[in-house]
Amino acid sequence: MLRPFGGFRGQREGMNRPFVEFFDRRAETGWVPAMDVTAEDGDIVIRTELPGVRREDIHVTLSGGLLVISGERREEQEAKDAGYLLKERSFGSFWRAMIIPEGVNENAISARFESGVLEVRVRDGARTVEERPKRIEIGE
């Protein structure tokens, strides 16, 4: 089948690739774990999926109101004779970050890791967040 614009599409994709890779964090870090952030009983609860990551390879830090979850998923030892037909699992370092509301005591933050899920709980963090969005007036 003849596709008269197929060559242009390929060129466009080739030109876009550097931009996509620049803005795609996976190109930098290897992989980006999924994260859910919920409000539960006034707490902010952050759950991050980290399958295959060991507890000792996970780091949770707080600095200047920025909570950072980082670490590394190490590649398993491979058999020397193994030949891959398909390899989709990503390995390497990762990080996720989120801003914690002002006024949260850093001693009110706890973390636990169970069944491949990291849960970080910010006690009373959701109560410090305003319920309604604050409208910002645009000046002339």
Protein backbone atom coordinates (compact mmCIF):
# COMPACT_ATOMS: atom_id res chain seq x y z
CA MET A 1 0.00 0.00 0.00
CA LEU A 2 1.36 3.39 -0.99
CA ARG A 3 1.39 6.04 1.74
CA PRO A 4 2.32 9.37 0.18
CA PHE A 5 2.82 11.20 3.49
CA GLY A 6 4.49 8.38 5.42
CA GLY A 7 7.92 9.90 4.89
CA PHE A 8 6.83 13.24 6.33
CA ARG A 9 5.33 11.58 9.40
CA GLY A 10 8.59 9.77 10.08
CA GLN A 11 10.59 12.98 9.70
CA ARG A 12 8.23 14.84 12.05
CA GLU A 13 8.52 12.09 14.67
CA GLY A 14 12.29 12.20 14.33
CA MET A 15 12.32 15.97 14.83
CA ASN A 16 10.00 15.73 17.86
CA ARG A 17 11.97 12.98 19.60
CA PRO A 18 14.55 15.26 21.32
CA PHE A 19 11.76 17.45 22.73
CA VAL A 20 9.78 14.47 23.99
CA GLU A 21 12.88 12.99 25.62
CA PHE A 22 13.81 16.34 27.19
CA PHE A 23 10.43 16.77 28.86
CA ASP A 24 9.85 13.11 29.70
CA ARG A 25 11.31 12.40 33.15
CA ARG A 26 11.61 8.72 32.32
CA ALA A 27 14.37 9.61 29.87
CA GLU A 28 16.35 11.06 32.82
CA THR A 29 15.56 8.71 35.68
CA GLY A 30 14.80 5.36 34.08
CA TRP A 31 11.25 5.06 35.45
CA VAL A 32 8.62 7.00 37.34
CA PRO A 33 6.60 5.14 39.98
CA ALA A 34 2.84 5.71 40.18
CA MET A 35 1.64 7.89 43.06
CA ASP A 36 -1.75 8.56 44.67
CA VAL A 37 -2.30 11.49 47.03
CA THR A 38 -5.45 11.46 49.16
CA ALA A 39 -6.92 13.31 52.12
CA GLU A 40 -7.96 10.93 54.90
CA ASP A 41 -9.29 12.15 58.26
CA GLY A 42 -7.45 15.45 57.84
CA ASP A 43 -4.15 13.78 56.89
CA ILE A 44 -2.42 13.87 53.52
CA VAL A 45 -1.61 10.29 52.50
CA ILE A 46 0.84 9.63 49.67
CA ARG A 47 0.99 6.08 48.33
CA THR A 48 3.71 5.22 45.85
CA GLU A 49 3.97 1.91 44.03
CA LEU A 50 7.50 0.56 44.28
CA PRO A 51 7.39 -3.09 43.18
CA GLY A 52 10.73 -4.81 43.24
CA VAL A 53 12.37 -2.06 45.32
CA ARG A 54 14.05 -2.98 48.60
CA ARG A 55 13.25 -0.93 51.70
CA GLU A 56 16.92 0.05 52.10
CA ASP A 57 16.93 1.53 48.56
CA ILE A 58 14.12 4.02 49.32
CA HIS A 59 14.76 7.53 50.66
CA VAL A 60 12.14 9.98 51.92
CA THR A 61 13.40 13.50 52.62
CA LEU A 62 11.85 16.83 53.50
CA SER A 63 13.62 20.07 52.75
CA GLY A 64 12.17 23.56 52.42
CA GLY A 65 8.61 22.26 52.27
CA LEU A 66 9.41 19.78 49.48
CA LEU A 67 8.86 16.09 50.18
CA VAL A 68 11.03 13.91 47.92
CA ILE A 69 10.67 10.17 47.49
CA SER A 70 13.69 8.72 45.71
CA GLY A 71 15.63 5.52 45.38
CA GLU A 72 16.66 2.80 43.01
CA ARG A 73 15.21 -0.39 41.62
CA ARG A 74 18.16 -2.66 40.98
CA GLU A 75 18.26 -5.01 38.04
CA GLU A 76 18.22 -8.65 39.02
CA GLN A 77 21.18 -10.83 38.21
CA GLU A 78 20.66 -12.31 34.79
CA ALA A 79 21.67 -15.77 33.66
CA LYS A 80 24.56 -15.53 31.23
CA ASP A 81 22.80 -17.73 28.67
CA ALA A 82 19.45 -15.90 28.89
CA GLY A 83 18.28 -14.20 25.72
CA TYR A 84 15.42 -11.75 26.00
CA LEU A 85 12.58 -11.81 23.51
CA LEU A 86 10.85 -8.91 25.26
CA LYS A 87 12.09 -6.77 28.14
CA GLU A 88 9.70 -4.08 29.44
CA ARG A 89 10.58 -3.75 33.12
CA SER A 90 12.53 -0.60 33.91
CA PHE A 91 15.35 -0.36 36.40
CA GLY A 92 17.44 2.45 37.77
CA SER A 93 16.97 5.48 39.96
CA PHE A 94 13.67 7.27 40.46
CA TRP A 95 12.27 10.30 42.26
CA ARG A 96 8.93 11.92 42.90
CA ALA A 97 8.38 15.21 44.73
CA MET A 98 5.50 17.19 46.11
CA ILE A 99 5.11 20.41 48.08
CA ILE A 100 3.88 20.00 51.65
CA PRO A 101 1.56 22.73 53.00
CA GLU A 102 3.16 25.45 55.12
CA GLY A 103 2.92 25.02 58.84
CA VAL A 104 3.20 21.23 58.81
CA ASN A 105 5.50 19.98 61.55
CA GLU A 106 8.15 17.69 60.06
CA ASN A 107 7.71 15.39 63.09
CA ALA A 108 4.12 14.85 61.89
CA ILE A 109 5.35 12.92 58.83
CA SER A 110 5.65 9.14 58.97
CA ALA A 111 6.37 6.47 56.37
CA ARG A 112 5.88 2.73 56.08
CA PHE A 113 6.61 0.24 53.31
CA GLU A 114 4.53 -2.88 52.82
CA SER A 115 3.85 -5.19 49.86
CA GLY A 116 5.65 -2.93 47.38
CA VAL A 117 3.73 0.22 48.38
CA LEU A 118 5.31 3.14 50.25
CA GLU A 119 2.83 5.12 52.33
CA VAL A 120 3.83 8.55 53.62
CA ARG A 121 1.35 10.17 56.00
CA VAL A 122 1.37 13.90 56.83
CA ARG A 123 -0.73 14.26 59.99
CA ASP A 124 -3.20 17.16 59.79
CA GLY A 125 -1.66 18.23 56.47
CA ALA A 126 -4.99 18.33 54.68
CA ARG A 127 -6.44 20.61 57.36
CA THR A 128 -3.86 23.27 56.58
CA VAL A 129 -4.91 23.37 52.92
CA GLU A 130 -7.72 25.84 52.19
CA GLU A 131 -11.00 24.19 51.24
CA ARG A 132 -11.86 26.73 48.53
CA PRO A 133 -9.46 27.99 45.92
CA LYS A 134 -8.35 31.55 46.54
CA ARG A 135 -9.06 33.80 43.59
CA ILE A 136 -6.14 35.95 42.54
CA GLU A 137 -7.11 39.25 40.96
CA ILE A 138 -5.24 40.20 37.81
CA GLY A 139 -3.90 43.74 37.90
CA GLU A 140 -3.72 46.10 34.95
